[in-house]
């Protein structure tokens, strides 16, 4: 308010100094309103989708634009620490991790996993579409990449185990679109069912059927699918965003997004991850240049 007042005062003074006649002689043509607001991500409406699905999206905090649409919150990231077993490495054992960071960029159809611990060097794994690669910093401070396409399918499937991402995908599917906003008329509409007294949401993403079992708070409690001959699943506990429970806020930017306080993952029934989340971040800056682009830029 103070800045606005100063700007108005400056404008008034300027008009007085140069004379009203000079100001009135200027003519400005009105610019047409752009069809899509600058820098606005593609969004889909929630007014005609299943009310249950809308409620889940709202409970996660991803409905924006006056509680009318989903799509604004499209890069999701959480930081955590705990224990993990590197399922991509044969014979790997459970180890502690001090830094476990998972980033999902929905419109890039990409994710980046970074982990490090006392017994584990800094490791970065990326998937983008049908491509996968690992990133590492060389001694000359250059970022190098190593192809990992053999794991592309399961890495890509795992990004939709992220609760905000799978509900985003469900809302887009309900509007006849793929998660990246492309028209996908052949994608099945998400459906709800009751199994064992629990509410289950069935969603299809990238040809994989996901089963999303809601927890007691009506947010995703468990998400699972089958890909490349494996059953992968993630479970989520204790969603929160602020300090109402006397705990530190998980919502890093305090913009109303709810994050789970604990995450576990399984591959074929074996636990491969159990971490406590320290912070969640909606729409952090994240880019996913292809390996060729990275190589040329250094």
Protein backbone atom coordinates (compact mmCIF):
# COMPACT_ATOMS: atom_id res chain seq x y z
CA UNK A 1 0.00 0.00 0.00
CA UNK A 2 2.81 2.43 0.84
CA UNK A 3 4.51 1.83 -2.53
CA UNK A 4 1.23 2.31 -4.38
CA UNK A 5 0.60 5.59 -2.60
CA UNK A 6 4.07 6.85 -3.52
CA UNK A 7 3.56 5.90 -7.14
CA UNK A 8 0.24 7.71 -7.27
CA UNK A 9 1.77 10.76 -5.66
CA UNK A 10 4.62 10.74 -8.18
CA UNK A 11 2.16 10.52 -11.04
CA UNK A 12 0.16 13.46 -9.71
CA UNK A 13 3.30 15.58 -9.26
CA UNK A 14 4.47 14.72 -12.75
CA UNK A 15 1.16 15.85 -14.23
CA UNK A 16 1.40 19.13 -12.33
CA UNK A 17 4.97 19.81 -13.47
CA UNK A 18 4.37 19.17 -17.16
CA UNK A 19 0.90 20.63 -17.33
CA UNK A 20 -2.53 19.08 -17.80
CA UNK A 21 -2.55 20.03 -21.48
CA UNK A 22 0.48 17.89 -22.25
CA UNK A 23 -1.00 14.88 -20.50
CA UNK A 24 -4.39 15.18 -22.21
CA UNK A 25 -2.71 15.41 -25.64
CA UNK A 26 -1.34 11.88 -25.32
CA UNK A 27 -3.38 9.02 -26.72
CA UNK A 28 -2.93 5.41 -25.70
CA UNK A 29 -4.57 2.51 -27.52
CA UNK A 30 -5.89 -0.19 -25.21
CA UNK A 31 -4.14 -3.52 -25.54
CA UNK A 32 -6.39 -6.54 -26.07
CA UNK A 33 -6.57 -9.04 -23.25
CA UNK A 34 -4.37 -12.05 -24.08
CA UNK A 35 -6.31 -15.31 -24.55
CA UNK A 36 -4.09 -17.00 -21.97
CA UNK A 37 -2.59 -15.01 -19.08
CA UNK A 38 1.16 -14.59 -19.33
CA UNK A 39 3.06 -17.42 -17.63
CA UNK A 40 -0.17 -19.13 -16.61
CA UNK A 41 0.02 -22.94 -16.71
CA UNK A 42 -2.73 -24.87 -18.49
CA UNK A 43 -5.50 -25.65 -16.05
CA UNK A 44 -8.69 -27.71 -16.03
CA UNK A 45 -11.98 -27.03 -14.30
CA UNK A 46 -13.29 -28.90 -11.30
CA UNK A 47 -16.94 -27.85 -11.41
CA UNK A 48 -18.13 -30.83 -13.49
CA UNK A 49 -15.95 -33.64 -12.15
CA UNK A 50 -16.91 -36.21 -9.49
CA UNK A 51 -17.42 -34.27 -6.23
CA UNK A 52 -15.36 -36.90 -4.38
CA UNK A 53 -12.39 -36.26 -6.66
CA UNK A 54 -12.77 -32.52 -6.25
CA UNK A 55 -12.79 -32.95 -2.47
CA UNK A 56 -9.55 -34.97 -2.55
CA UNK A 57 -7.84 -32.35 -4.72
CA UNK A 58 -9.05 -29.64 -2.36
CA UNK A 59 -7.83 -31.51 0.73
CA UNK A 60 -4.35 -31.70 -0.85
CA UNK A 61 -4.44 -27.98 -1.58
CA UNK A 62 -4.00 -28.19 -5.37
CA UNK A 63 -7.26 -26.47 -6.37
CA UNK A 64 -6.53 -22.84 -7.15
CA UNK A 65 -7.92 -19.89 -9.18
CA UNK A 66 -10.74 -19.20 -6.79
CA UNK A 67 -11.31 -22.88 -5.95
CA UNK A 68 -12.20 -23.56 -9.58
CA UNK A 69 -9.31 -25.35 -11.28
CA UNK A 70 -6.31 -27.67 -11.01
CA UNK A 71 -3.02 -27.21 -12.85
CA UNK A 72 -1.36 -24.28 -11.13
CA UNK A 73 0.53 -26.53 -8.72
CA UNK A 74 2.46 -28.60 -11.26
CA UNK A 75 5.96 -29.01 -9.84
CA UNK A 76 6.02 -30.91 -6.55
CA UNK A 77 9.04 -31.58 -4.37
CA UNK A 78 9.62 -32.96 -0.90
CA UNK A 79 12.77 -33.31 1.19
CA UNK A 80 13.16 -36.12 3.70
CA UNK A 81 15.54 -38.33 5.64
CA UNK A 82 15.38 -41.93 6.81
CA UNK A 83 16.32 -45.31 5.35
CA UNK A 84 16.24 -46.74 1.84
CA UNK A 85 17.24 -49.74 -0.24
CA UNK A 86 18.40 -48.88 -3.74
CA UNK A 87 16.10 -51.12 -5.77
CA UNK A 88 17.96 -50.26 -8.99
CA UNK A 89 21.18 -51.80 -7.66
CA UNK A 90 21.16 -55.63 -7.41
CA UNK A 91 21.99 -56.87 -3.92
CA UNK A 92 21.70 -53.42 -2.35
CA UNK A 93 21.21 -53.28 1.40
CA UNK A 94 19.20 -50.89 3.54
CA UNK A 95 21.15 -47.73 4.34
CA UNK A 96 20.44 -44.40 6.07
CA UNK A 97 19.93 -41.31 3.92
CA UNK A 98 20.35 -37.78 5.26
CA UNK A 99 19.06 -36.17 2.07
CA UNK A 100 16.24 -37.67 0.05
CA UNK A 101 14.72 -35.19 -2.40
CA UNK A 102 12.05 -36.13 -4.91
CA UNK A 103 10.90 -33.64 -7.56
CA UNK A 104 8.07 -34.18 -10.04
CA UNK A 105 7.48 -31.80 -12.96
CA UNK A 106 4.09 -32.83 -14.29
CA UNK A 107 4.01 -30.86 -17.55
CA UNK A 108 7.54 -32.07 -18.35
CA UNK A 109 6.41 -35.64 -17.62
CA UNK A 110 9.62 -35.87 -15.62
CA UNK A 111 11.01 -36.52 -12.17
CA UNK A 112 14.37 -36.21 -10.43
CA UNK A 113 15.41 -38.18 -7.36
CA UNK A 114 18.44 -37.09 -5.31
CA UNK A 115 19.71 -39.06 -2.33
CA UNK A 116 22.82 -39.14 -0.17
CA UNK A 117 23.88 -40.65 3.13
CA UNK A 118 26.85 -41.62 5.30
CA UNK A 119 27.32 -44.79 3.25
CA UNK A 120 25.88 -43.48 -0.02
CA UNK A 121 27.46 -40.92 -2.36
CA UNK A 122 25.36 -38.15 -3.88
CA UNK A 123 23.15 -39.84 -6.46
CA UNK A 124 20.81 -38.19 -8.96
CA UNK A 125 18.34 -40.12 -11.10
CA UNK A 126 16.15 -38.58 -13.79
CA UNK A 127 13.32 -39.72 -16.03
CA UNK A 128 11.70 -37.64 -18.74
CA UNK A 129 9.12 -39.23 -20.96
CA UNK A 130 10.59 -42.51 -22.18
CA UNK A 131 14.19 -41.54 -21.40
CA UNK A 132 16.11 -42.02 -18.17
CA UNK A 133 19.57 -40.96 -17.11
CA UNK A 134 21.75 -40.39 -14.05
CA UNK A 135 23.42 -37.05 -13.37
CA UNK A 136 26.74 -36.52 -11.58
CA UNK A 137 29.20 -33.70 -11.05
CA UNK A 138 32.73 -34.37 -12.30
CA UNK A 139 35.89 -33.06 -10.63
CA UNK A 140 36.07 -30.23 -13.19
CA UNK A 141 32.62 -29.05 -12.01
CA UNK A 142 30.90 -30.27 -15.17
CA UNK A 143 27.59 -32.08 -14.99
CA UNK A 144 27.80 -35.48 -16.65
CA UNK A 145 25.03 -37.89 -17.56
CA UNK A 146 24.79 -41.65 -17.95
CA UNK A 147 21.94 -43.31 -19.82
CA UNK A 148 19.61 -45.49 -17.72
CA UNK A 149 16.82 -46.22 -20.19
CA UNK A 150 16.45 -49.77 -18.87
CA UNK A 151 14.82 -48.25 -15.78
CA UNK A 152 12.82 -45.57 -17.62
CA UNK A 153 9.46 -47.36 -17.41
CA UNK A 154 9.54 -48.00 -13.68
CA UNK A 155 10.99 -44.56 -12.89
CA UNK A 156 8.22 -42.97 -14.95
CA UNK A 157 5.58 -45.04 -13.17
CA UNK A 158 6.99 -44.10 -9.76
CA UNK A 159 6.52 -40.39 -10.35
CA UNK A 160 2.75 -40.98 -10.31
CA UNK A 161 3.01 -42.56 -6.87
CA UNK A 162 3.39 -38.96 -5.64
CA UNK A 163 -0.04 -38.05 -4.17
CA UNK A 164 -0.46 -34.59 -5.66
CA UNK A 165 0.68 -35.84 -9.08
CA UNK A 166 -1.76 -38.76 -9.25
CA UNK A 167 -4.72 -36.60 -8.18
CA UNK A 168 -3.67 -33.99 -10.75
CA UNK A 169 -3.69 -36.80 -13.35
CA UNK A 170 -7.13 -37.94 -12.19
CA UNK A 171 -8.64 -34.45 -12.49
CA UNK A 172 -7.16 -34.03 -15.97
CA UNK A 173 -8.42 -37.48 -17.02
CA UNK A 174 -11.88 -36.50 -15.79
CA UNK A 175 -11.64 -33.61 -18.25
CA UNK A 176 -10.52 -35.87 -21.12
CA UNK A 177 -6.89 -34.84 -20.94
CA UNK A 178 -3.50 -36.38 -20.22
CA UNK A 179 -1.64 -34.97 -17.18
CA UNK A 180 0.47 -32.72 -19.45
CA UNK A 181 -2.72 -31.15 -20.88
CA UNK A 182 -2.72 -33.04 -24.20
CA UNK A 183 -6.11 -34.27 -25.38
CA UNK A 184 -6.50 -37.92 -24.32
CA UNK A 185 -10.02 -38.93 -25.19
CA UNK A 186 -9.15 -42.65 -24.93
CA UNK A 187 -7.99 -42.43 -21.30
CA UNK A 188 -10.56 -44.02 -18.95
CA UNK A 189 -12.35 -41.68 -16.61
CA UNK A 190 -11.27 -42.09 -12.97
CA UNK A 191 -13.73 -44.03 -10.85
CA UNK A 192 -14.35 -44.50 -7.14
CA UNK A 193 -15.19 -47.76 -5.40
CA UNK A 194 -15.43 -49.21 -1.90
CA UNK A 195 -13.02 -52.00 -0.97
CA UNK A 196 -12.89 -53.44 2.53
CA UNK A 197 -14.60 -50.37 3.95
CA UNK A 198 -12.10 -48.00 2.30
CA UNK A 199 -12.57 -45.56 -0.56
CA UNK A 200 -10.48 -46.42 -3.61
CA UNK A 201 -9.84 -44.22 -6.66
CA UNK A 202 -8.86 -45.97 -9.90
CA UNK A 203 -6.78 -43.87 -12.30
CA UNK A 204 -4.95 -44.74 -15.52
CA UNK A 205 -1.74 -42.87 -16.40
CA UNK A 206 0.62 -43.78 -19.22
CA UNK A 207 -1.19 -47.07 -19.75
CA UNK A 208 -0.71 -48.11 -16.11
CA UNK A 209 -3.67 -48.60 -13.79
CA UNK A 210 -3.18 -46.96 -10.39
CA UNK A 211 -5.13 -47.86 -7.28
CA UNK A 212 -5.34 -44.96 -4.83
CA UNK A 213 -6.65 -45.97 -1.41
CA UNK A 214 -7.78 -43.04 0.69
CA UNK A 215 -6.67 -42.72 4.29
CA UNK A 216 -8.87 -41.75 7.25
CA UNK A 217 -8.36 -38.07 6.39
CA UNK A 218 -9.71 -38.71 2.83
CA UNK A 219 -6.29 -37.98 1.30
CA UNK A 220 -4.25 -40.63 -0.59
CA UNK A 221 -3.00 -43.16 1.96
CA UNK A 222 -1.62 -45.76 -0.44
CA UNK A 223 -0.95 -45.67 -4.20
CA UNK A 224 0.05 -48.75 -6.17
CA UNK A 225 0.46 -50.00 -9.73
CA UNK A 226 2.13 -52.72 -11.77
CA UNK A 227 4.85 -51.96 -14.32
CA UNK A 228 7.61 -53.95 -16.00
CA UNK A 229 6.54 -57.07 -14.14
CA UNK A 230 6.83 -55.40 -10.74
CA UNK A 231 4.28 -54.14 -8.23
CA UNK A 232 5.29 -50.76 -6.86
CA UNK A 233 3.52 -48.89 -4.08
CA UNK A 234 3.85 -45.88 -1.81
CA UNK A 235 2.11 -45.11 1.48
CA UNK A 236 1.60 -41.71 3.07
CA UNK A 237 0.97 -40.74 6.68
CA UNK A 238 0.16 -37.63 8.71
CA UNK A 239 -0.61 -34.97 6.13
CA UNK A 240 -0.20 -31.41 7.34
CA UNK A 241 0.83 -28.00 6.08
CA UNK A 242 1.04 -25.63 9.02
CA UNK A 243 1.69 -25.70 12.75
CA UNK A 244 -1.81 -26.44 14.01
CA UNK A 245 -0.61 -29.72 15.53
CA UNK A 246 2.29 -28.06 17.30
CA UNK A 247 4.76 -29.29 14.69
CA UNK A 248 6.95 -27.44 12.24
CA UNK A 249 5.28 -26.52 8.96
CA UNK A 250 5.83 -28.91 6.06
CA UNK A 251 4.51 -26.49 3.44
CA UNK A 252 7.79 -24.71 2.67
CA UNK A 253 6.27 -21.68 0.95
CA UNK A 254 3.14 -21.58 3.16
CA UNK A 255 0.79 -21.60 0.17
CA UNK A 256 -1.75 -24.08 1.48
CA UNK A 257 -0.48 -27.38 0.05
CA UNK A 258 -0.72 -30.39 2.37
CA UNK A 259 2.23 -32.80 2.55
CA UNK A 260 2.60 -36.20 4.21
CA UNK A 261 4.93 -36.27 7.19
CA UNK A 262 6.09 -39.83 6.42
CA UNK A 263 6.55 -41.75 3.14
CA UNK A 264 7.22 -45.43 2.55
CA UNK A 265 7.69 -47.29 -0.73
CA UNK A 266 7.61 -50.95 -1.69
CA UNK A 267 8.73 -52.96 -4.72
CA UNK A 268 7.13 -56.41 -4.96
CA UNK A 269 6.14 -56.21 -1.31
CA UNK A 270 9.64 -55.38 -0.05
CA UNK A 271 10.03 -52.03 1.70
CA UNK A 272 12.63 -49.93 -0.13
CA UNK A 273 11.99 -46.56 1.50
CA UNK A 274 10.91 -45.20 4.88
CA UNK A 275 11.51 -41.48 5.35
CA UNK A 276 10.27 -38.59 7.45
CA UNK A 277 9.47 -35.49 5.42
CA UNK A 278 11.06 -32.24 6.56
CA UNK A 279 9.54 -29.95 3.91
CA UNK A 280 7.30 -29.92 0.86
CA UNK A 281 7.55 -27.33 -1.89
CA UNK A 282 4.96 -26.50 -4.55
CA UNK A 283 6.30 -25.03 -7.81
CA UNK A 284 10.02 -24.75 -7.01
CA UNK A 285 12.26 -23.82 -9.92
CA UNK A 286 13.16 -27.05 -11.72
CA UNK A 287 14.29 -27.75 -15.28
CA UNK A 288 14.86 -30.98 -17.17
CA UNK A 289 17.24 -30.38 -20.10
CA UNK A 290 18.03 -33.47 -22.18
CA UNK A 291 21.55 -34.93 -21.84
CA UNK A 292 22.54 -33.55 -25.25
CA UNK A 293 21.59 -30.05 -24.19
CA UNK A 294 23.54 -30.41 -20.94
CA UNK A 295 26.62 -31.55 -22.84
CA UNK A 296 26.51 -28.60 -25.23
CA UNK A 297 25.99 -26.03 -22.47
CA UNK A 298 29.26 -26.77 -20.66
